[in-house]
Amino acid sequence: MPYAIGGNSRIRTNIPAENAYNALESSNQDISLRQLRLSTGKRINNAADDVAGYITSKALIARNGSLKAAQTAVGDAQNISYIVMDSFDNISTLLTEIKESTSTAASGAMGTDEKVALGKAAYRMVQQIQTLVDSTVFGGRQLIDGTYSADFVIATKADNSLITLALDLTTGNTDYNVSRNELNLNSLNVDSFAGITNLDMRSFDNISADDLGIFASDKIHLTLVSLADAIENVNKAATYVGGVVNRLSSQQEALSSQITNYNAAISRIEDADVAEEQLQLVKSQFLQSASLASLTQANQNPQQFLQLIQG
């Protein structure tokens, strides 16, 4: 703290000039600080500006980064889930068309040629199901062929341990499986489709005038039952994924709110109040001008005492 000191006739040490110079330096430093804060928009530009605030803001920034990464992971999981649900919806529609063809073939009004035509038409839908299974891909991996499984980091705990969500579409997932059999949709490669044992979708292509196969009068009712069960199983699998999507939507909303709140906390600690900084800058600039004037006057004081020794 500067003090006004008397004895100004001692010109070897110009105390008033030193006081004015120190005040000038203080004003210059404060001006530099205010200009830095105004130019960066930050009140804390280094740890020396606010020791406690610095460590708190950096911890919040790190936490916010983890939340943003989790939000990205949630978005990826949502994308995969939507793709899967859309494929299941299309497969359910195709199965319904196949079942309608089978129901039509069960009519006594249908001749052999008509039943064969209905079987071949149903098989085209079976082929389309296989196309959907093969083309439902994300990140170079098949999603609904019974092999896909992935973990998504959707949040972190206070100790920074990870909170993960498993999107498990493998045939070994008991929640995903909807019957005692595996929900395998590889319709052209297995003799069990959508959890229904002995439902070989290739059988629709084997229907002929000589052998109606699964359209035969003693078998077609079993075919209808199997297709109805397959439709139900596919829809149940879709609802499993739908439940995952609902959870992901809730988590995304929670993460968005948390990120906003963390940004607000960081801003309160770290960001500069532009209006306040501008007021302080004007004050320091005024003091700078006053200090310059005082320094000039203090440096002129020794000249007055020289008159005492002039001969």
C-alpha atoms as a PDB file:
ATOM      1  CA  MET A   1       0.000   0.000   0.000  1.00  0.00           C
ATOM      2  CA  PRO A   2       1.500   3.410  -0.962  1.00  0.00           C
ATOM      3  CA  TYR A   3       1.875   6.166   1.623  1.00  0.00           C
ATOM      4  CA  ALA A   4       2.171   9.912   1.169  1.00  0.00           C
ATOM      5  CA  ILE A   5       5.626  10.704   2.551  1.00  0.00           C
ATOM      6  CA  GLY A   6       6.873  14.167   3.494  1.00  0.00           C
ATOM      7  CA  GLY A   7      10.414  15.495   3.357  1.00  0.00           C
ATOM      8  CA  ASN A   8      10.222  16.060  -0.364  1.00  0.00           C
ATOM      9  CA  SER A   9      13.208  18.376  -0.284  1.00  0.00           C
ATOM     10  CA  ARG A  10      15.456  15.309  -0.175  1.00  0.00           C
ATOM     11  CA  ILE A  11      15.983  15.083  -3.920  1.00  0.00           C
ATOM     12  CA  ARG A  12      18.457  12.143  -3.991  1.00  0.00           C
ATOM     13  CA  THR A  13      15.547   9.794  -3.507  1.00  0.00           C
ATOM     14  CA  ASN A  14      12.382  11.072  -5.169  1.00  0.00           C
ATOM     15  CA  ILE A  15       9.765   9.235  -3.096  1.00  0.00           C
ATOM     16  CA  PRO A  16       6.712  10.990  -4.637  1.00  0.00           C
ATOM     17  CA  ALA A  17       7.949   9.987  -8.085  1.00  0.00           C
ATOM     18  CA  GLU A  18       8.385   6.380  -6.967  1.00  0.00           C
ATOM     19  CA  ASN A  19       4.865   6.322  -5.513  1.00  0.00           C
ATOM     20  CA  ALA A  20       3.447   7.739  -8.723  1.00  0.00           C
ATOM     21  CA  TYR A  21       5.455   5.209 -10.762  1.00  0.00           C
ATOM     22  CA  ASN A  22       4.196   2.290  -8.640  1.00  0.00           C
ATOM     23  CA  ALA A  23       0.626   3.503  -9.042  1.00  0.00           C
ATOM     24  CA  LEU A  24       1.203   3.749 -12.797  1.00  0.00           C
ATOM     25  CA  GLU A  25       2.522   0.188 -12.929  1.00  0.00           C
ATOM     26  CA  SER A  26      -0.485  -1.047 -10.969  1.00  0.00           C
ATOM     27  CA  SER A  27      -2.855   0.690 -13.379  1.00  0.00           C
ATOM     28  CA  ASN A  28      -0.987  -0.721 -16.383  1.00  0.00           C
ATOM     29  CA  GLN A  29      -1.200  -4.251 -15.015  1.00  0.00           C
ATOM     30  CA  ASP A  30      -4.899  -3.920 -14.301  1.00  0.00           C
ATOM     31  CA  ILE A  31      -5.503  -2.541 -17.799  1.00  0.00           C
ATOM     32  CA  SER A  32      -3.644  -5.521 -19.283  1.00  0.00           C
ATOM     33  CA  LEU A  33      -5.717  -7.900 -17.173  1.00  0.00           C
ATOM     34  CA  ARG A  34      -9.023  -6.306 -18.183  1.00  0.00           C
ATOM     35  CA  GLN A  35      -8.052  -6.245 -21.864  1.00  0.00           C
ATOM     36  CA  LEU A  36      -7.048  -9.914 -21.698  1.00  0.00           C
ATOM     37  CA  ARG A  37     -10.366 -10.882 -20.140  1.00  0.00           C
ATOM     38  CA  LEU A  38     -12.326  -8.847 -22.660  1.00  0.00           C
ATOM     39  CA  SER A  39     -10.395 -10.302 -25.603  1.00  0.00           C
ATOM     40  CA  THR A  40     -10.697 -13.921 -24.440  1.00  0.00           C
ATOM     41  CA  GLY A  41     -14.096 -13.634 -22.791  1.00  0.00           C
ATOM     42  CA  LYS A  42     -12.729 -15.564 -19.807  1.00  0.00           C
ATOM     43  CA  ARG A  43     -12.235 -14.395 -16.250  1.00  0.00           C
ATOM     44  CA  ILE A  44      -9.891 -17.304 -15.537  1.00  0.00           C
ATOM     45  CA  ASN A  45      -7.165 -17.553 -18.159  1.00  0.00           C
ATOM     46  CA  ASN A  46      -4.649 -19.383 -15.990  1.00  0.00           C
ATOM     47  CA  ALA A  47      -4.444 -20.976 -12.559  1.00  0.00           C
ATOM     48  CA  ALA A  48      -3.108 -17.764 -10.980  1.00  0.00           C
ATOM     49  CA  ASP A  49      -6.313 -15.870 -11.784  1.00  0.00           C
ATOM     50  CA  ASP A  50      -8.395 -17.999  -9.405  1.00  0.00           C
ATOM     51  CA  VAL A  51      -6.796 -21.053  -7.843  1.00  0.00           C
ATOM     52  CA  ALA A  52     -10.014 -22.645  -6.548  1.00  0.00           C
ATOM     53  CA  GLY A  53     -12.095 -21.637  -9.548  1.00  0.00           C
ATOM     54  CA  TYR A  54      -9.470 -22.978 -11.972  1.00  0.00           C
ATOM     55  CA  ILE A  55      -9.455 -26.512 -10.574  1.00  0.00           C
ATOM     56  CA  THR A  56     -13.249 -26.576 -10.290  1.00  0.00           C
ATOM     57  CA  SER A  57     -13.823 -25.387 -13.859  1.00  0.00           C
ATOM     58  CA  LYS A  58     -11.302 -27.852 -15.300  1.00  0.00           C
ATOM     59  CA  ALA A  59     -12.977 -30.727 -13.447  1.00  0.00           C
ATOM     60  CA  LEU A  60     -16.358 -29.634 -14.799  1.00  0.00           C
ATOM     61  CA  ILE A  61     -14.985 -29.363 -18.330  1.00  0.00           C
ATOM     62  CA  ALA A  62     -13.561 -32.884 -18.109  1.00  0.00           C
ATOM     63  CA  ARG A  63     -16.883 -34.190 -16.818  1.00  0.00           C
ATOM     64  CA  ASN A  64     -18.739 -32.400 -19.591  1.00  0.00           C
ATOM     65  CA  GLY A  65     -16.457 -33.995 -22.170  1.00  0.00           C
ATOM     66  CA  SER A  66     -17.395 -37.432 -20.862  1.00  0.00           C
ATOM     67  CA  LEU A  67     -21.084 -36.555 -21.061  1.00  0.00           C
ATOM     68  CA  LYS A  68     -20.724 -35.402 -24.672  1.00  0.00           C
ATOM     69  CA  ALA A  69     -18.948 -38.648 -25.569  1.00  0.00           C
ATOM     70  CA  ALA A  70     -21.758 -40.585 -23.886  1.00  0.00           C
ATOM     71  CA  GLN A  71     -24.314 -38.566 -25.844  1.00  0.00           C
ATOM     72  CA  THR A  72     -22.587 -39.577 -29.079  1.00  0.00           C
ATOM     73  CA  ALA A  73     -22.671 -43.229 -27.993  1.00  0.00           C
ATOM     74  CA  VAL A  74     -26.382 -42.945 -27.217  1.00  0.00           C
ATOM     75  CA  GLY A  75     -26.958 -41.517 -30.692  1.00  0.00           C
ATOM     76  CA  ASP A  76     -25.099 -44.444 -32.273  1.00  0.00           C
ATOM     77  CA  ALA A  77     -27.163 -46.932 -30.273  1.00  0.00           C
ATOM     78  CA  GLN A  78     -30.349 -45.146 -31.338  1.00  0.00           C
ATOM     79  CA  ASN A  79     -29.330 -45.319 -34.989  1.00  0.00           C
ATOM     80  CA  ILE A  80     -28.750 -49.057 -34.744  1.00  0.00           C
ATOM     81  CA  SER A  81     -32.013 -49.610 -32.881  1.00  0.00           C
ATOM     82  CA  TYR A  82     -34.038 -47.658 -35.430  1.00  0.00           C
ATOM     83  CA  ILE A  83     -32.468 -49.625 -38.279  1.00  0.00           C
ATOM     84  CA  VAL A  84     -33.291 -52.909 -36.549  1.00  0.00           C
ATOM     85  CA  MET A  85     -36.875 -51.886 -35.746  1.00  0.00           C
ATOM     86  CA  ASP A  86     -37.463 -50.815 -39.348  1.00  0.00           C
ATOM     87  CA  SER A  87     -36.178 -54.156 -40.639  1.00  0.00           C
ATOM     88  CA  PHE A  88     -38.373 -56.079 -38.190  1.00  0.00           C
ATOM     89  CA  ASP A  89     -41.373 -54.034 -39.304  1.00  0.00           C
ATOM     90  CA  ASN A  90     -40.673 -54.850 -42.953  1.00  0.00           C
ATOM     91  CA  ILE A  91     -40.178 -58.542 -42.155  1.00  0.00           C
ATOM     92  CA  SER A  92     -43.461 -58.602 -40.233  1.00  0.00           C
ATOM     93  CA  THR A  93     -45.220 -57.081 -43.241  1.00  0.00           C
ATOM     94  CA  LEU A  94     -43.678 -59.680 -45.573  1.00  0.00           C
ATOM     95  CA  LEU A  95     -44.651 -62.524 -43.243  1.00  0.00           C
ATOM     96  CA  THR A  96     -48.208 -61.211 -43.181  1.00  0.00           C
ATOM     97  CA  GLU A  97     -48.284 -61.324 -46.986  1.00  0.00           C
ATOM     98  CA  ILE A  98     -46.904 -64.870 -46.931  1.00  0.00           C
ATOM     99  CA  LYS A  99     -49.573 -65.890 -44.425  1.00  0.00           C
ATOM    100  CA  GLU A 100     -52.264 -64.296 -46.610  1.00  0.00           C
ATOM    101  CA  SER A 101     -51.038 -66.325 -49.585  1.00  0.00           C
ATOM    102  CA  THR A 102     -51.116 -69.462 -47.446  1.00  0.00           C
ATOM    103  CA  SER A 103     -54.630 -68.670 -46.241  1.00  0.00           C
ATOM    104  CA  THR A 104     -55.751 -68.180 -49.824  1.00  0.00           C
ATOM    105  CA  ALA A 105     -54.202 -71.510 -50.806  1.00  0.00           C
ATOM    106  CA  ALA A 106     -56.193 -73.178 -48.027  1.00  0.00           C
ATOM    107  CA  SER A 107     -59.439 -72.324 -49.820  1.00  0.00           C
ATOM    108  CA  GLY A 108     -61.149 -75.248 -51.449  1.00  0.00           C
ATOM    109  CA  ALA A 109     -61.794 -73.060 -54.485  1.00  0.00           C
ATOM    110  CA  MET A 110     -58.087 -72.988 -55.315  1.00  0.00           C
ATOM    111  CA  GLY A 111     -56.801 -75.456 -57.897  1.00  0.00           C
ATOM    112  CA  THR A 112     -53.363 -77.041 -57.935  1.00  0.00           C
ATOM    113  CA  ASP A 113     -51.921 -74.526 -60.375  1.00  0.00           C
ATOM    114  CA  GLU A 114     -53.204 -71.630 -58.311  1.00  0.00           C
ATOM    115  CA  LYS A 115     -51.685 -73.108 -55.133  1.00  0.00           C
ATOM    116  CA  VAL A 116     -48.336 -73.569 -56.862  1.00  0.00           C
ATOM    117  CA  ALA A 117     -48.458 -69.946 -58.054  1.00  0.00           C
ATOM    118  CA  LEU A 118     -49.263 -68.760 -54.522  1.00  0.00           C
ATOM    119  CA  GLY A 119     -46.369 -70.817 -53.156  1.00  0.00           C
ATOM    120  CA  LYS A 120     -43.919 -69.350 -55.659  1.00  0.00           C
ATOM    121  CA  ALA A 121     -45.181 -65.832 -54.899  1.00  0.00           C
ATOM    122  CA  ALA A 122     -44.710 -66.482 -51.183  1.00  0.00           C
ATOM    123  CA  TYR A 123     -41.190 -67.690 -51.853  1.00  0.00           C
ATOM    124  CA  ARG A 124     -40.362 -64.334 -53.509  1.00  0.00           C
ATOM    125  CA  MET A 125     -41.314 -62.698 -50.221  1.00  0.00           C
ATOM    126  CA  VAL A 126     -39.099 -65.213 -48.421  1.00  0.00           C
ATOM    127  CA  GLN A 127     -36.211 -64.140 -50.632  1.00  0.00           C
ATOM    128  CA  GLN A 128     -36.955 -60.506 -49.782  1.00  0.00           C
ATOM    129  CA  ILE A 129     -36.787 -61.371 -46.071  1.00  0.00           C
ATOM    130  CA  GLN A 130     -33.338 -62.815 -46.673  1.00  0.00           C
ATOM    131  CA  THR A 131     -32.355 -59.632 -48.516  1.00  0.00           C
ATOM    132  CA  LEU A 132     -33.478 -57.559 -45.541  1.00  0.00           C
ATOM    133  CA  VAL A 133     -31.477 -59.728 -43.156  1.00  0.00           C
ATOM    134  CA  ASP A 134     -28.368 -59.448 -45.333  1.00  0.00           C
ATOM    135  CA  SER A 135     -28.687 -55.690 -45.871  1.00  0.00           C
ATOM    136  CA  THR A 136     -29.458 -54.681 -42.284  1.00  0.00           C
ATOM    137  CA  VAL A 137     -25.905 -53.608 -41.550  1.00  0.00           C
ATOM    138  CA  PHE A 138     -24.215 -50.981 -39.379  1.00  0.00           C
ATOM    139  CA  GLY A 139     -20.489 -50.432 -39.127  1.00  0.00           C
ATOM    140  CA  GLY A 140     -19.816 -53.404 -41.372  1.00  0.00           C
ATOM    141  CA  ARG A 141     -21.680 -55.834 -39.098  1.00  0.00           C
ATOM    142  CA  GLN A 142     -24.932 -57.752 -39.621  1.00  0.00           C
ATOM    143  CA  LEU A 143     -27.579 -56.653 -37.129  1.00  0.00           C
ATOM    144  CA  ILE A 144     -30.414 -59.206 -37.234  1.00  0.00           C
ATOM    145  CA  ASP A 145     -28.795 -62.461 -38.262  1.00  0.00           C
ATOM    146  CA  GLY A 146     -28.460 -63.496 -34.621  1.00  0.00           C
ATOM    147  CA  THR A 147     -24.795 -62.518 -34.183  1.00  0.00           C
ATOM    148  CA  TYR A 148     -24.798 -58.823 -33.283  1.00  0.00           C
ATOM    149  CA  SER A 149     -23.851 -57.621 -29.820  1.00  0.00           C
ATOM    150  CA  ALA A 150     -22.359 -54.297 -28.680  1.00  0.00           C
ATOM    151  CA  ASP A 151     -21.885 -52.217 -25.538  1.00  0.00           C
ATOM    152  CA  PHE A 152     -22.463 -48.462 -25.530  1.00  0.00           C
ATOM    153  CA  VAL A 153     -21.105 -46.154 -22.806  1.00  0.00           C
ATOM    154  CA  ILE A 154     -24.139 -44.016 -21.991  1.00  0.00           C
ATOM    155  CA  ALA A 155     -22.762 -42.256 -18.860  1.00  0.00           C
ATOM    156  CA  THR A 156     -20.071 -42.260 -16.188  1.00  0.00           C
ATOM    157  CA  LYS A 157     -20.362 -42.409 -12.408  1.00  0.00           C
ATOM    158  CA  ALA A 158     -18.822 -39.954  -9.953  1.00  0.00           C
ATOM    159  CA  ASP A 159     -15.696 -42.117  -9.724  1.00  0.00           C
ATOM    160  CA  ASN A 160     -15.499 -42.095 -13.555  1.00  0.00           C
ATOM    161  CA  SER A 161     -16.430 -45.774 -13.847  1.00  0.00           C
ATOM    162  CA  LEU A 162     -18.483 -46.436 -16.954  1.00  0.00           C
ATOM    163  CA  ILE A 163     -22.213 -47.043 -17.226  1.00  0.00           C
ATOM    164  CA  THR A 164     -22.856 -49.189 -20.300  1.00  0.00           C
ATOM    165  CA  LEU A 165     -25.918 -50.349 -22.193  1.00  0.00           C
ATOM    166  CA  ALA A 166     -25.701 -53.707 -23.936  1.00  0.00           C
ATOM    167  CA  LEU A 167     -27.563 -54.013 -27.224  1.00  0.00           C
ATOM    168  CA  ASP A 168     -27.565 -57.798 -27.538  1.00  0.00           C
ATOM    169  CA  LEU A 169     -29.301 -59.176 -30.629  1.00  0.00           C
ATOM    170  CA  THR A 170     -27.584 -62.554 -30.508  1.00  0.00           C
ATOM    171  CA  THR A 171     -29.605 -65.759 -30.433  1.00  0.00           C
ATOM    172  CA  GLY A 172     -28.228 -66.424 -26.956  1.00  0.00           C
ATOM    173  CA  ASN A 173     -29.979 -63.418 -25.379  1.00  0.00           C
ATOM    174  CA  THR A 174     -32.876 -64.787 -23.318  1.00  0.00           C
ATOM    175  CA  ASP A 175     -34.604 -61.376 -23.305  1.00  0.00           C
ATOM    176  CA  TYR A 176     -34.382 -61.108 -27.066  1.00  0.00           C
ATOM    177  CA  ASN A 177     -35.439 -64.698 -27.771  1.00  0.00           C
ATOM    178  CA  VAL A 178     -39.206 -64.949 -27.870  1.00  0.00           C
ATOM    179  CA  SER A 179     -39.692 -68.701 -27.776  1.00  0.00           C
ATOM    180  CA  ARG A 180     -37.828 -71.738 -26.617  1.00  0.00           C
ATOM    181  CA  ASN A 181     -36.051 -71.724 -29.985  1.00  0.00           C
ATOM    182  CA  GLU A 182     -33.571 -69.241 -31.349  1.00  0.00           C
ATOM    183  CA  LEU A 183     -34.957 -66.260 -33.246  1.00  0.00           C
ATOM    184  CA  ASN A 184     -32.967 -66.914 -36.381  1.00  0.00           C
ATOM    185  CA  LEU A 185     -34.068 -64.939 -39.426  1.00  0.00           C
ATOM    186  CA  ASN A 186     -31.638 -66.457 -41.908  1.00  0.00           C
ATOM    187  CA  SER A 187     -34.617 -67.868 -43.759  1.00  0.00           C
ATOM    188  CA  LEU A 188     -32.794 -69.501 -46.661  1.00  0.00           C
ATOM    189  CA  ASN A 189     -30.123 -71.267 -44.640  1.00  0.00           C
ATOM    190  CA  VAL A 190     -31.870 -72.932 -41.670  1.00  0.00           C
ATOM    191  CA  ASP A 191     -34.902 -75.101 -40.983  1.00  0.00           C
ATOM    192  CA  SER A 192     -35.976 -72.963 -38.008  1.00  0.00           C
ATOM    193  CA  PHE A 193     -37.345 -69.507 -38.713  1.00  0.00           C
ATOM    194  CA  ALA A 194     -38.262 -66.835 -36.154  1.00  0.00           C
ATOM    195  CA  GLY A 195     -38.112 -69.286 -33.268  1.00  0.00           C
ATOM    196  CA  ILE A 196     -40.412 -71.862 -34.924  1.00  0.00           C
ATOM    197  CA  THR A 197     -38.906 -75.342 -35.153  1.00  0.00           C
ATOM    198  CA  ASN A 198     -39.150 -77.072 -38.537  1.00  0.00           C
ATOM    199  CA  LEU A 199     -40.429 -73.905 -40.254  1.00  0.00           C
ATOM    200  CA  ASP A 200     -38.191 -74.065 -43.300  1.00  0.00           C
ATOM    201  CA  MET A 201     -39.023 -71.054 -45.463  1.00  0.00           C
ATOM    202  CA  ARG A 202     -37.364 -72.748 -48.428  1.00  0.00           C
ATOM    203  CA  SER A 203     -40.319 -75.137 -48.502  1.00  0.00           C
ATOM    204  CA  PHE A 204     -42.412 -72.533 -50.331  1.00  0.00           C
ATOM    205  CA  ASP A 205     -40.151 -72.970 -53.353  1.00  0.00           C
ATOM    206  CA  ASN A 206     -40.616 -76.756 -53.247  1.00  0.00           C
ATOM    207  CA  ILE A 207     -44.379 -76.600 -53.823  1.00  0.00           C
ATOM    208  CA  SER A 208     -45.216 -78.218 -57.140  1.00  0.00           C
ATOM    209  CA  ALA A 209     -48.175 -79.799 -58.938  1.00  0.00           C
ATOM    210  CA  ASP A 210     -46.839 -83.226 -58.022  1.00  0.00           C
ATOM    211  CA  ASP A 211     -46.199 -82.408 -54.370  1.00  0.00           C
ATOM    212  CA  LEU A 212     -47.948 -79.490 -52.686  1.00  0.00           C
ATOM    213  CA  GLY A 213     -45.736 -79.950 -49.636  1.00  0.00           C
ATOM    214  CA  ILE A 214     -46.612 -77.439 -46.922  1.00  0.00           C
ATOM    215  CA  PHE A 215     -49.714 -76.471 -48.944  1.00  0.00           C
ATOM    216  CA  ALA A 216     -51.087 -79.999 -48.832  1.00  0.00           C
ATOM    217  CA  SER A 217     -54.467 -80.304 -47.162  1.00  0.00           C
ATOM    218  CA  ASP A 218     -53.046 -82.238 -44.214  1.00  0.00           C
ATOM    219  CA  LYS A 219     -50.191 -79.771 -43.633  1.00  0.00           C
ATOM    220  CA  ILE A 220     -51.412 -76.299 -44.572  1.00  0.00           C
ATOM    221  CA  HIS A 221     -53.064 -75.726 -41.181  1.00  0.00           C
ATOM    222  CA  LEU A 222     -49.692 -76.346 -39.523  1.00  0.00           C
ATOM    223  CA  THR A 223     -48.095 -73.903 -41.938  1.00  0.00           C
ATOM    224  CA  LEU A 224     -50.632 -71.235 -40.988  1.00  0.00           C
ATOM    225  CA  VAL A 225     -50.039 -71.808 -37.281  1.00  0.00           C
ATOM    226  CA  SER A 226     -46.260 -71.654 -37.739  1.00  0.00           C
ATOM    227  CA  LEU A 227     -46.472 -68.434 -39.749  1.00  0.00           C
ATOM    228  CA  ALA A 228     -48.760 -66.846 -37.153  1.00  0.00           C
ATOM    229  CA  ASP A 229     -46.291 -67.778 -34.422  1.00  0.00           C
ATOM    230  CA  ALA A 230     -43.398 -66.441 -36.507  1.00  0.00           C
ATOM    231  CA  ILE A 231     -45.172 -63.093 -36.990  1.00  0.00           C
ATOM    232  CA  GLU A 232     -45.812 -62.888 -33.245  1.00  0.00           C
ATOM    233  CA  ASN A 233     -42.188 -63.690 -32.455  1.00  0.00           C
ATOM    234  CA  VAL A 234     -40.816 -61.082 -34.869  1.00  0.00           C
ATOM    235  CA  ASN A 235     -43.142 -58.480 -33.380  1.00  0.00           C
ATOM    236  CA  LYS A 236     -42.041 -59.425 -29.855  1.00  0.00           C
ATOM    237  CA  ALA A 237     -38.414 -59.010 -30.896  1.00  0.00           C
ATOM    238  CA  ALA A 238     -39.276 -55.590 -32.295  1.00  0.00           C
ATOM    239  CA  THR A 239     -40.827 -54.583 -28.971  1.00  0.00           C
ATOM    240  CA  TYR A 240     -37.614 -55.623 -27.198  1.00  0.00           C
ATOM    241  CA  VAL A 241     -35.674 -53.198 -29.383  1.00  0.00           C
ATOM    242  CA  GLY A 242     -38.431 -50.610 -28.915  1.00  0.00           C
ATOM    243  CA  GLY A 243     -37.918 -50.773 -25.161  1.00  0.00           C
ATOM    244  CA  VAL A 244     -34.211 -50.130 -25.690  1.00  0.00           C
ATOM    245  CA  VAL A 245     -35.041 -47.112 -27.853  1.00  0.00           C
ATOM    246  CA  ASN A 246     -37.303 -45.659 -25.149  1.00  0.00           C
ATOM    247  CA  ARG A 247     -34.502 -45.972 -22.613  1.00  0.00           C
ATOM    248  CA  LEU A 248     -32.032 -44.377 -25.016  1.00  0.00           C
ATOM    249  CA  SER A 249     -34.394 -41.460 -25.674  1.00  0.00           C
ATOM    250  CA  SER A 250     -34.708 -40.842 -21.941  1.00  0.00           C
ATOM    251  CA  GLN A 251     -30.942 -40.994 -21.502  1.00  0.00           C
ATOM    252  CA  GLN A 252     -30.370 -38.597 -24.393  1.00  0.00           C
ATOM    253  CA  GLU A 253     -32.716 -36.040 -22.828  1.00  0.00           C
ATOM    254  CA  ALA A 254     -30.985 -36.439 -19.472  1.00  0.00           C
ATOM    255  CA  LEU A 255     -27.537 -36.004 -21.022  1.00  0.00           C
ATOM    256  CA  SER A 256     -28.617 -32.912 -22.956  1.00  0.00           C
ATOM    257  CA  SER A 257     -29.921 -31.302 -19.753  1.00  0.00           C
ATOM    258  CA  GLN A 258     -26.794 -32.235 -17.813  1.00  0.00           C
ATOM    259  CA  ILE A 259     -24.485 -30.859 -20.506  1.00  0.00           C
ATOM    260  CA  THR A 260     -26.417 -27.573 -20.523  1.00  0.00           C
ATOM    261  CA  ASN A 261     -26.241 -27.327 -16.735  1.00  0.00           C
ATOM    262  CA  TYR A 262     -22.515 -28.065 -16.700  1.00  0.00           C
ATOM    263  CA  ASN A 263     -21.947 -25.415 -19.378  1.00  0.00           C
ATOM    264  CA  ALA A 264     -23.830 -22.913 -17.231  1.00  0.00           C
ATOM    265  CA  ALA A 265     -21.731 -23.806 -14.169  1.00  0.00           C
ATOM    266  CA  ILE A 266     -18.483 -23.500 -16.142  1.00  0.00           C
ATOM    267  CA  SER A 267     -19.612 -20.152 -17.518  1.00  0.00           C
ATOM    268  CA  ARG A 268     -20.403 -18.769 -14.057  1.00  0.00           C
ATOM    269  CA  ILE A 269     -16.961 -19.759 -12.800  1.00  0.00           C
ATOM    270  CA  GLU A 270     -14.761 -19.107 -15.801  1.00  0.00           C
ATOM    271  CA  ASP A 271     -16.347 -16.533 -18.102  1.00  0.00           C
ATOM    272  CA  ALA A 272     -15.787 -12.806 -17.765  1.00  0.00           C
ATOM    273  CA  ASP A 273     -18.565 -10.323 -17.001  1.00  0.00           C
ATOM    274  CA  VAL A 274     -18.022  -8.008 -19.979  1.00  0.00           C
ATOM    275  CA  ALA A 275     -19.885  -5.079 -18.433  1.00  0.00           C
ATOM    276  CA  GLU A 276     -17.933  -5.273 -15.186  1.00  0.00           C
ATOM    277  CA  GLU A 277     -14.597  -5.688 -16.956  1.00  0.00           C
ATOM    278  CA  GLN A 278     -15.313  -2.678 -19.155  1.00  0.00           C
ATOM    279  CA  LEU A 279     -16.101  -0.541 -16.097  1.00  0.00           C
ATOM    280  CA  GLN A 280     -12.884  -1.622 -14.398  1.00  0.00           C
ATOM    281  CA  LEU A 281     -10.940  -0.927 -17.601  1.00  0.00           C
ATOM    282  CA  VAL A 282     -12.266   2.642 -17.762  1.00  0.00           C
ATOM    283  CA  LYS A 283     -11.381   3.139 -14.100  1.00  0.00           C
ATOM    284  CA  SER A 284      -7.833   1.823 -14.596  1.00  0.00           C
ATOM    285  CA  GLN A 285      -7.341   3.950 -17.719  1.00  0.00           C
ATOM    286  CA  PHE A 286      -8.358   7.023 -15.718  1.00  0.00           C
ATOM    287  CA  LEU A 287      -5.937   6.094 -12.939  1.00  0.00           C
ATOM    288  CA  GLN A 288      -3.247   5.508 -15.536  1.00  0.00           C
ATOM    289  CA  SER A 289      -3.670   9.034 -16.883  1.00  0.00           C
ATOM    290  CA  ALA A 290      -3.697  10.477 -13.362  1.00  0.00           C
ATOM    291  CA  SER A 291      -0.566   8.511 -12.433  1.00  0.00           C
ATOM    292  CA  LEU A 292       1.246   9.798 -15.522  1.00  0.00           C
ATOM    293  CA  ALA A 293       0.353  13.361 -14.602  1.00  0.00           C
ATOM    294  CA  SER A 294       1.468  12.823 -10.990  1.00  0.00           C
ATOM    295  CA  LEU A 295       4.734  11.225 -12.118  1.00  0.00           C
ATOM    296  CA  THR A 296       5.427  14.182 -14.379  1.00  0.00           C
ATOM    297  CA  GLN A 297       4.828  16.604 -11.528  1.00  0.00           C
ATOM    298  CA  ALA A 298       6.905  14.563  -9.077  1.00  0.00           C
ATOM    299  CA  ASN A 299       9.840  14.528 -11.490  1.00  0.00           C
ATOM    300  CA  GLN A 300       9.685  18.317 -11.696  1.00  0.00           C
ATOM    301  CA  ASN A 301       9.994  18.809  -7.895  1.00  0.00           C
ATOM    302  CA  PRO A 302      13.833  18.489  -7.800  1.00  0.00           C
ATOM    303  CA  GLN A 303      14.103  21.271 -10.383  1.00  0.00           C
ATOM    304  CA  GLN A 304      12.559  23.696  -7.908  1.00  0.00           C
ATOM    305  CA  PHE A 305      15.133  22.904  -5.233  1.00  0.00           C
ATOM    306  CA  LEU A 306      18.007  23.474  -7.686  1.00  0.00           C
ATOM    307  CA  GLN A 307      17.247  27.174  -7.399  1.00  0.00           C
ATOM    308  CA  LEU A 308      18.565  27.066  -3.790  1.00  0.00           C
ATOM    309  CA  ILE A 309      22.063  26.137  -4.959  1.00  0.00           C
ATOM    310  CA  GLN A 310      22.267  28.261  -8.065  1.00  0.00           C
ATOM    311  CA  GLY A 311      24.980  30.890  -7.712  1.00  0.00           C
END
